[in-house]
Amino acid sequence: MTSTHSENSSRPACRPANPCFSSGPCAKRPGWDVSALSNALTGRSHRSAEGRARLAEVIDRSAAILGIPEGWRVGIVPASDTGAVEMALWSLLGARPVDVLAFESFSSLWAQDIVSQLKLDNARVLKADYGQLPDLAQVDWTHDVVLAWNGTTSGVRLPSANAIPAKHEGLVICDATSAAFAMDLPWDRLDVVTWSWQKALGGEAAHGMLALSPRAVERLENFEAPRPLPKIFRLMGKGKLIEGIFRGDTINTPSMLCVEDALDSLKWAESVGGLAGLKARSQANLAEVAAWEAKTDWVEFLARNEAERSSTAICLRIVAPWFLALERSEQMKTVKQMVALLDKEGVAFDIASYRDAPPGLRIWGGATVEASDVSALLPWLDWAFAQVAPVACPA
């Protein structure tokens, strides 16, 4: 016979000071409280001189921290990273064949949109299972290439820029939503880069960022997308790039509360050393998990290749034999029980794996998360697993 452990089993002595480990929206920066929004330009038009100035400040500070080269356009667009990616796909694709890398939920969504919605006949989808990358040697860089730099739902990232030729004929469109402000991005090898405020900087949702290289702008100005575009996707007007988008004149009305919050998080990022400091904080979080995973027999990284392992979306799979023997529905139920226990204890919120991913855990390790909180969390994962694991009962 078997049973499960009692919830009254010995609990770890320490608790994370901040139990927010969600992969989006992510933890606010350390020390944040609502007073950070006290100077928000509420009740004012975003098209006022001051409103435009604050939006432009978000653009300028973002570009400076990320090291975006001179000549690139950076703008704030609707609908978070999803809106930014879709804007790029619908506005730019069709001039060349397309290769799209699909290795987790969102990159697979971009592939589906390219094939089923845009209905591009010359599109090729290069697939890989969760925890792996497609064979990058198979990419044809004379094509336009669509990729995610970091798989938010699989914990796998491109290990370097080496696979992307310094000179490539097509455009490289990069979804960097869980990589920006945590990883180096090779701006000299990318042409379109997107992200949002609610990932690595812990900002509020619904606003996306779009960065265009001069080559991408040239494509826009010399290629008319063979499809109607809704207003929120339009980057061109009267045959020219709508430059106002890249100076803070947004397509639709942004939340000035969210703008103030974005400015607060960008100033915090500068205070911890800019991109170098943000990367170091994220890497420290991954190191905490890696040291624990190495000595823990019931769990392992979903990303087997250490060089491809994300420091932000840290995805773990449960490998205990009794768990692997369960049907997927029972595995998901078991994970749900674990995360419910952690939620009830107030030590970790929202750390179940993404719904399409293999059942397991996902811990956000971006820079707004303190390594000390990750360290305090890990014994609680062992505790929660022990509560749901079957144990032998006396005959």
Protein backbone atom coordinates (compact mmCIF):
# COMPACT_ATOMS: atom_id res chain seq x y z
CA MET A 1 0.00 0.00 0.00
CA THR A 2 1.07 3.61 -0.47
CA SER A 3 0.01 6.96 0.90
CA THR A 4 1.29 10.52 0.83
CA HIS A 5 3.12 12.46 3.51
CA SER A 6 1.26 14.65 5.97
CA GLU A 7 1.29 18.40 5.39
CA ASN A 8 2.52 18.66 8.96
CA SER A 9 5.95 17.30 7.95
CA SER A 10 8.82 19.52 8.99
CA ARG A 11 8.76 22.77 7.05
CA PRO A 12 11.94 24.63 6.10
CA ALA A 13 12.97 27.30 8.57
CA CYS A 14 13.46 30.15 6.06
CA ARG A 15 10.94 31.68 3.67
CA PRO A 16 11.57 33.86 0.63
CA ALA A 17 11.09 37.52 1.48
CA ASN A 18 9.32 37.86 -1.88
CA PRO A 19 7.38 34.76 -3.03
CA CYS A 20 6.75 36.14 -6.55
CA PHE A 21 8.43 33.77 -9.00
CA SER A 22 5.93 34.08 -11.84
CA SER A 23 7.30 34.15 -15.38
CA GLY A 24 5.04 37.01 -16.37
CA PRO A 25 4.10 39.43 -15.09
CA CYS A 26 7.28 39.03 -13.08
CA ALA A 27 8.44 40.18 -9.66
CA LYS A 28 8.75 43.92 -9.14
CA ARG A 29 12.21 45.30 -8.51
CA PRO A 30 13.48 44.96 -4.93
CA GLY A 31 12.05 47.63 -2.65
CA TRP A 32 9.22 48.56 -4.99
CA ASP A 33 5.97 49.90 -3.60
CA VAL A 34 3.11 51.86 -5.07
CA SER A 35 4.69 55.17 -4.11
CA ALA A 36 6.96 54.66 -7.14
CA LEU A 37 3.95 55.71 -9.22
CA SER A 38 3.19 58.88 -7.27
CA ASN A 39 4.42 61.17 -10.04
CA ALA A 40 2.59 59.38 -12.85
CA LEU A 41 1.07 61.68 -15.45
CA THR A 42 -2.49 60.57 -14.70
CA GLY A 43 -5.40 62.59 -16.05
CA ARG A 44 -3.16 64.03 -18.77
CA SER A 45 -2.92 63.26 -22.44
CA HIS A 46 -0.06 61.03 -23.54
CA ARG A 47 0.15 63.41 -26.51
CA SER A 48 0.93 66.40 -24.31
CA ALA A 49 4.52 67.61 -24.38
CA GLU A 50 5.21 66.04 -20.99
CA GLY A 51 3.45 62.80 -21.94
CA ARG A 52 5.52 62.44 -25.10
CA ALA A 53 8.67 63.29 -23.12
CA ARG A 54 8.09 60.46 -20.66
CA LEU A 55 7.37 57.96 -23.40
CA ALA A 56 10.51 59.10 -25.21
CA GLU A 57 12.45 58.70 -21.95
CA VAL A 58 11.37 55.06 -21.72
CA ILE A 59 12.64 54.55 -25.28
CA ASP A 60 15.94 56.33 -24.69
CA ARG A 61 16.75 54.65 -21.37
CA SER A 62 15.83 51.23 -22.79
CA ALA A 63 18.06 51.71 -25.83
CA ALA A 64 20.96 52.90 -23.68
CA ILE A 65 20.80 49.99 -21.21
CA LEU A 66 20.43 47.38 -23.96
CA GLY A 67 23.22 48.90 -26.06
CA ILE A 68 21.07 49.31 -29.15
CA PRO A 69 23.21 50.76 -31.97
CA GLU A 70 22.82 54.21 -33.45
CA GLY A 71 20.50 54.19 -36.44
CA TRP A 72 18.01 51.73 -34.99
CA ARG A 73 14.44 52.83 -34.33
CA VAL A 74 12.94 51.86 -30.96
CA GLY A 75 9.25 52.31 -30.26
CA ILE A 76 6.46 51.52 -27.81
CA VAL A 77 3.65 49.52 -29.42
CA PRO A 78 0.33 47.99 -28.32
CA ALA A 79 -0.39 44.53 -26.92
CA SER A 80 2.83 43.62 -25.16
CA ASP A 81 5.51 41.48 -26.83
CA THR A 82 2.82 39.58 -28.71
CA GLY A 83 1.68 42.79 -30.39
CA ALA A 84 5.26 43.73 -31.25
CA VAL A 85 6.02 40.33 -32.81
CA GLU A 86 2.76 40.23 -34.75
CA MET A 87 3.35 43.78 -36.01
CA ALA A 88 6.74 42.69 -37.36
CA LEU A 89 5.45 39.47 -38.94
CA TRP A 90 2.45 41.05 -40.65
CA SER A 91 4.36 44.13 -41.82
CA LEU A 92 7.61 42.57 -43.01
CA LEU A 93 7.10 38.99 -44.17
CA GLY A 94 6.39 37.94 -47.73
CA ALA A 95 9.35 39.41 -49.57
CA ARG A 96 11.47 36.28 -49.08
CA PRO A 97 11.02 32.68 -48.00
CA VAL A 98 10.79 32.30 -44.22
CA ASP A 99 12.42 29.91 -41.75
CA VAL A 100 10.86 29.91 -38.29
CA LEU A 101 12.32 28.12 -35.27
CA ALA A 102 9.62 26.45 -33.15
CA PHE A 103 10.82 24.93 -29.88
CA GLU A 104 8.34 26.04 -27.22
CA SER A 105 4.87 27.59 -26.92
CA PHE A 106 5.37 31.11 -28.23
CA SER A 107 7.80 30.32 -31.02
CA SER A 108 5.35 27.60 -32.09
CA LEU A 109 2.61 30.23 -32.08
CA TRP A 110 4.65 32.44 -34.43
CA ALA A 111 5.09 29.43 -36.71
CA GLN A 112 1.36 28.76 -36.67
CA ASP A 113 0.59 32.39 -37.50
CA ILE A 114 3.06 32.43 -40.38
CA VAL A 115 1.69 29.22 -41.89
CA SER A 116 -2.02 29.36 -41.02
CA GLN A 117 -2.82 33.08 -40.76
CA LEU A 118 -0.38 34.76 -43.13
CA LYS A 119 -0.57 31.61 -45.30
CA LEU A 120 2.95 32.01 -46.63
CA ASP A 121 3.62 29.15 -49.03
CA ASN A 122 7.38 29.56 -48.81
CA ALA A 123 7.57 29.14 -45.03
CA ARG A 124 9.58 26.37 -43.40
CA VAL A 125 9.15 25.41 -39.74
CA LEU A 126 12.18 23.95 -37.97
CA LYS A 127 10.91 22.17 -34.87
CA ALA A 128 12.40 20.81 -31.67
CA ASP A 129 10.92 19.28 -28.55
CA TYR A 130 10.72 21.17 -25.27
CA GLY A 131 14.18 21.36 -23.74
CA GLN A 132 15.99 21.42 -27.08
CA LEU A 133 16.77 23.81 -29.93
CA PRO A 134 16.21 23.07 -33.61
CA ASP A 135 19.30 22.24 -35.64
CA LEU A 136 20.59 25.75 -36.32
CA ALA A 137 22.80 24.42 -39.10
CA GLN A 138 19.63 23.79 -41.12
CA VAL A 139 18.62 27.48 -41.16
CA ASP A 140 18.87 29.18 -44.53
CA TRP A 141 20.03 32.71 -43.77
CA THR A 142 19.12 33.91 -47.26
CA HIS A 143 15.56 33.57 -45.96
CA ASP A 144 13.88 35.76 -43.39
CA VAL A 145 14.31 33.99 -40.06
CA VAL A 146 11.94 34.21 -37.09
CA LEU A 147 13.21 33.01 -33.72
CA ALA A 148 12.88 33.42 -29.99
CA TRP A 149 16.21 34.14 -28.30
CA ASN A 150 15.00 32.56 -25.07
CA GLY A 151 12.19 30.01 -24.78
CA THR A 152 10.01 31.41 -22.01
CA THR A 153 8.10 28.14 -21.63
CA SER A 154 10.97 25.68 -22.18
CA GLY A 155 13.95 27.27 -20.45
CA VAL A 156 16.11 26.93 -23.56
CA ARG A 157 18.04 29.83 -25.09
CA LEU A 158 20.33 30.36 -28.03
CA PRO A 159 23.81 29.81 -26.58
CA SER A 160 25.48 32.50 -28.69
CA ALA A 161 25.24 34.50 -31.88
CA ASN A 162 27.62 32.17 -33.71
CA ALA A 163 24.90 30.46 -35.74
CA ILE A 164 23.79 33.77 -37.29
CA PRO A 165 26.09 34.96 -40.08
CA ALA A 166 27.41 38.48 -39.63
CA LYS A 167 26.09 39.15 -43.11
CA HIS A 168 22.76 37.58 -44.04
CA GLU A 169 20.44 38.34 -46.91
CA GLY A 170 17.15 37.91 -45.06
CA LEU A 171 15.93 39.69 -41.95
CA VAL A 172 16.34 38.09 -38.52
CA ILE A 173 13.24 38.76 -36.43
CA CYS A 174 13.93 38.02 -32.77
CA ASP A 175 11.38 37.65 -29.99
CA ALA A 176 13.51 38.64 -27.00
CA THR A 177 10.81 39.12 -24.41
CA SER A 178 12.43 36.96 -21.72
CA ALA A 179 16.00 37.69 -22.84
CA ALA A 180 16.12 41.50 -22.99
CA PHE A 181 17.65 43.03 -19.83
CA ALA A 182 19.03 39.63 -18.78
CA MET A 183 21.17 38.37 -21.69
CA ASP A 184 23.45 39.76 -24.36
CA LEU A 185 21.68 40.26 -27.67
CA PRO A 186 23.83 40.44 -30.84
CA TRP A 187 22.44 43.63 -32.30
CA ASP A 188 24.86 43.43 -35.23
CA ARG A 189 23.23 40.14 -36.32
CA LEU A 190 19.58 40.93 -35.64
CA ASP A 191 17.18 43.11 -37.59
CA VAL A 192 13.98 43.21 -35.54
CA VAL A 193 13.90 42.72 -31.77
CA THR A 194 10.82 42.72 -29.53
CA TRP A 195 10.22 42.62 -25.79
CA SER A 196 7.79 43.83 -23.13
CA TRP A 197 7.95 45.61 -19.81
CA GLN A 198 6.54 42.82 -17.65
CA LYS A 199 9.40 40.34 -18.00
CA ALA A 200 12.96 41.07 -16.92
CA LEU A 201 12.16 44.52 -15.53
CA GLY A 202 9.03 43.45 -13.65
CA GLY A 203 6.91 46.14 -15.30
CA GLU A 204 3.18 46.14 -15.84
CA ALA A 205 1.53 44.49 -18.82
CA ALA A 206 0.02 45.43 -22.19
CA HIS A 207 2.87 47.49 -23.67
CA GLY A 208 5.37 46.12 -26.15
CA MET A 209 8.69 47.37 -27.48
CA LEU A 210 9.85 47.10 -31.08
CA ALA A 211 13.39 47.78 -32.30
CA LEU A 212 14.12 48.00 -36.04
CA SER A 213 17.52 47.96 -37.70
CA PRO A 214 18.20 50.15 -40.74
CA ARG A 215 17.81 47.02 -42.89
CA ALA A 216 14.35 46.40 -41.44
CA VAL A 217 13.36 50.01 -42.09
CA GLU A 218 14.60 49.67 -45.66
CA ARG A 219 12.40 46.58 -46.09
CA LEU A 220 9.37 48.46 -44.78
CA GLU A 221 9.96 51.37 -47.14
CA ASN A 222 10.51 49.21 -50.21
CA PHE A 223 8.08 46.34 -49.68
CA GLU A 224 4.33 46.66 -49.42
CA ALA A 225 2.87 43.84 -47.36
CA PRO A 226 0.42 41.90 -49.57
CA ARG A 227 -2.30 42.01 -46.94
CA PRO A 228 -4.49 44.59 -45.21
CA LEU A 229 -3.10 45.78 -41.88
CA PRO A 230 -5.20 46.99 -38.94
CA LYS A 231 -4.28 50.38 -37.55
CA ILE A 232 -2.38 49.01 -34.55
CA PHE A 233 -0.01 47.11 -36.90
CA ARG A 234 0.74 49.98 -39.27
CA LEU A 235 4.32 51.22 -39.25
CA MET A 236 4.01 53.01 -42.58
CA GLY A 237 1.97 56.02 -43.66
CA LYS A 238 1.94 57.57 -47.12
CA GLY A 239 4.81 55.34 -48.17
CA LYS A 240 7.11 56.37 -45.32
CA LEU A 241 7.96 55.06 -41.87
CA ILE A 242 5.78 56.67 -39.19
CA GLU A 243 8.71 58.17 -37.30
CA GLY A 244 6.53 59.44 -34.46
CA ILE A 245 6.11 55.89 -33.13
CA PHE A 246 9.83 55.90 -32.37
CA ARG A 247 9.76 59.24 -30.57
CA GLY A 248 6.99 58.47 -28.09
CA ASP A 249 3.95 59.21 -30.24
CA THR A 250 2.25 55.85 -29.65
CA ILE A 251 -0.30 54.32 -32.01
CA ASN A 252 -2.92 54.00 -29.28
CA THR A 253 -3.32 55.32 -25.73
CA PRO A 254 -0.76 53.92 -23.27
CA SER A 255 -1.25 53.74 -19.51
CA MET A 256 0.76 56.55 -17.97
CA LEU A 257 0.81 54.56 -14.71
CA CYS A 258 2.58 51.78 -16.60
CA VAL A 259 4.90 54.32 -18.21
CA GLU A 260 5.87 55.65 -14.78
CA ASP A 261 6.46 52.11 -13.57
CA ALA A 262 8.63 51.37 -16.60
CA LEU A 263 10.72 54.46 -15.89
CA ASP A 264 11.10 53.39 -12.27
CA SER A 265 12.34 49.94 -13.29
CA LEU A 266 14.74 51.37 -15.87
CA LYS A 267 16.25 53.74 -13.31
CA TRP A 268 16.63 50.79 -10.92
CA ALA A 269 18.35 48.83 -13.70
CA GLU A 270 20.82 51.67 -14.14
CA SER A 271 21.44 51.73 -10.38
CA VAL A 272 22.50 48.05 -10.30
CA GLY A 273 25.03 48.48 -13.09
CA GLY A 274 22.96 48.45 -16.25
CA LEU A 275 22.94 45.37 -18.44
CA ALA A 276 26.07 43.89 -16.84
CA GLY A 277 24.50 44.14 -13.39
CA LEU A 278 21.18 42.74 -14.56
CA LYS A 279 22.89 39.78 -16.22
CA ALA A 280 24.93 39.05 -13.10
CA ARG A 281 21.83 39.05 -10.91
CA SER A 282 20.01 36.68 -13.26
CA GLN A 283 23.02 34.36 -13.53
CA ALA A 284 23.23 34.25 -9.73
CA ASN A 285 19.64 33.01 -9.60
CA LEU A 286 20.37 30.27 -12.12
CA ALA A 287 23.47 29.28 -10.15
CA GLU A 288 21.38 28.78 -7.01
CA VAL A 289 19.01 26.45 -8.85
CA ALA A 290 21.85 24.63 -10.61
CA ALA A 291 23.64 23.85 -7.34
CA TRP A 292 20.41 22.47 -5.87
CA GLU A 293 19.47 20.52 -9.01
CA ALA A 294 22.88 18.82 -9.06
CA LYS A 295 22.22 17.22 -5.66
CA THR A 296 18.48 16.57 -6.05
CA ASP A 297 17.39 13.26 -7.51
CA TRP A 298 13.73 13.99 -8.24
CA VAL A 299 14.19 16.91 -10.60
CA GLU A 300 16.37 18.06 -13.48
CA PHE A 301 16.56 20.97 -15.90
CA LEU A 302 14.27 20.66 -18.89
CA ALA A 303 17.20 22.07 -20.90
CA ARG A 304 19.78 19.28 -20.79
CA ASN A 305 22.51 21.30 -22.54
CA GLU A 306 24.01 23.67 -19.97
CA ALA A 307 25.11 26.15 -22.65
CA GLU A 308 21.48 26.49 -23.79
CA ARG A 309 20.01 26.88 -20.29
CA SER A 310 17.98 30.01 -19.60
CA SER A 311 18.78 32.15 -16.57
CA THR A 312 15.33 33.76 -16.62
CA ALA A 313 12.72 31.10 -17.42
CA ILE A 314 14.21 28.29 -15.34
CA CYS A 315 12.22 25.20 -16.29
CA LEU A 316 12.44 21.94 -14.36
CA ARG A 317 11.05 18.49 -15.06
CA ILE A 318 10.21 15.93 -12.40
CA VAL A 319 12.10 12.68 -13.02
CA ALA A 320 11.08 10.54 -10.04
CA PRO A 321 10.18 7.10 -11.47
CA TRP A 322 6.77 7.04 -9.79
CA PHE A 323 5.95 10.43 -11.35
CA LEU A 324 7.11 9.44 -14.84
CA ALA A 325 4.91 6.35 -14.62
CA LEU A 326 1.78 8.51 -14.29
CA GLU A 327 -0.42 9.57 -17.20
CA ARG A 328 0.11 13.19 -18.23
CA SER A 329 -3.20 14.24 -16.66
CA GLU A 330 -2.10 12.73 -13.33
CA GLN A 331 1.31 14.37 -13.61
CA MET A 332 -0.38 17.74 -14.10
CA LYS A 333 -2.64 17.07 -11.13
CA THR A 334 0.37 16.23 -8.97
CA VAL A 335 2.19 19.43 -9.99
CA LYS A 336 -0.98 21.38 -9.25
CA GLN A 337 -1.03 19.90 -5.75
CA MET A 338 2.59 20.89 -5.22
CA VAL A 339 2.15 24.48 -6.31
CA ALA A 340 -1.06 24.77 -4.29
CA LEU A 341 0.88 23.77 -1.17
CA LEU A 342 3.57 26.36 -1.91
CA ASP A 343 0.94 29.00 -2.56
CA LYS A 344 -0.86 28.17 0.70
CA GLU A 345 2.40 28.52 2.60
CA GLY A 346 3.04 31.87 0.93
CA VAL A 347 6.51 30.84 -0.26
CA ALA A 348 6.02 30.66 -4.05
CA PHE A 349 3.32 31.89 -6.39
CA ASP A 350 2.67 30.79 -9.97
CA ILE A 351 5.54 28.35 -10.54
CA ALA A 352 3.80 25.54 -12.41
CA SER A 353 5.18 24.84 -15.88
CA TYR A 354 3.40 26.44 -18.81
CA ARG A 355 0.26 24.55 -19.80
CA ASP A 356 1.72 23.20 -23.06
CA ALA A 357 5.09 22.24 -21.57
CA PRO A 358 5.99 18.94 -19.89
CA PRO A 359 4.48 18.94 -16.36
CA GLY A 360 6.97 20.41 -13.94
CA LEU A 361 8.04 23.70 -12.39
CA ARG A 362 9.09 27.07 -13.81
CA ILE A 363 10.94 29.60 -11.64
CA TRP A 364 11.55 33.11 -12.91
CA GLY A 365 15.19 34.04 -12.42
CA GLY A 366 15.30 37.52 -13.91
CA ALA A 367 17.19 40.35 -12.24
CA THR A 368 14.26 41.60 -10.15
CA VAL A 369 14.38 38.31 -8.20
CA GLU A 370 16.87 38.16 -5.34
CA ALA A 371 19.23 35.16 -5.23
CA SER A 372 18.56 34.93 -1.49
CA ASP A 373 14.88 34.36 -2.24
CA VAL A 374 15.70 31.62 -4.75
CA SER A 375 17.94 29.99 -2.16
CA ALA A 376 15.16 30.12 0.43
CA LEU A 377 12.64 28.68 -2.05
CA LEU A 378 14.55 25.53 -2.97
CA PRO A 379 14.11 23.60 0.33
CA TRP A 380 10.40 24.33 0.04
CA LEU A 381 10.35 22.58 -3.34
CA ASP A 382 11.79 19.50 -1.66
CA TRP A 383 9.18 19.80 1.08
CA ALA A 384 6.27 20.15 -1.36
CA PHE A 385 7.50 17.22 -3.42
CA ALA A 386 7.69 15.09 -0.29
CA GLN A 387 4.06 15.89 0.48
CA VAL A 388 2.80 14.51 -2.84
CA ALA A 389 5.22 11.59 -3.21
CA PRO A 390 3.78 8.17 -2.38
CA VAL A 391 5.36 6.37 0.56
CA ALA A 392 5.19 2.74 1.53
CA CYS A 393 2.68 1.88 4.24
CA PRO A 394 3.04 -1.00 6.70
CA ALA A 395 1.39 -4.18 5.49
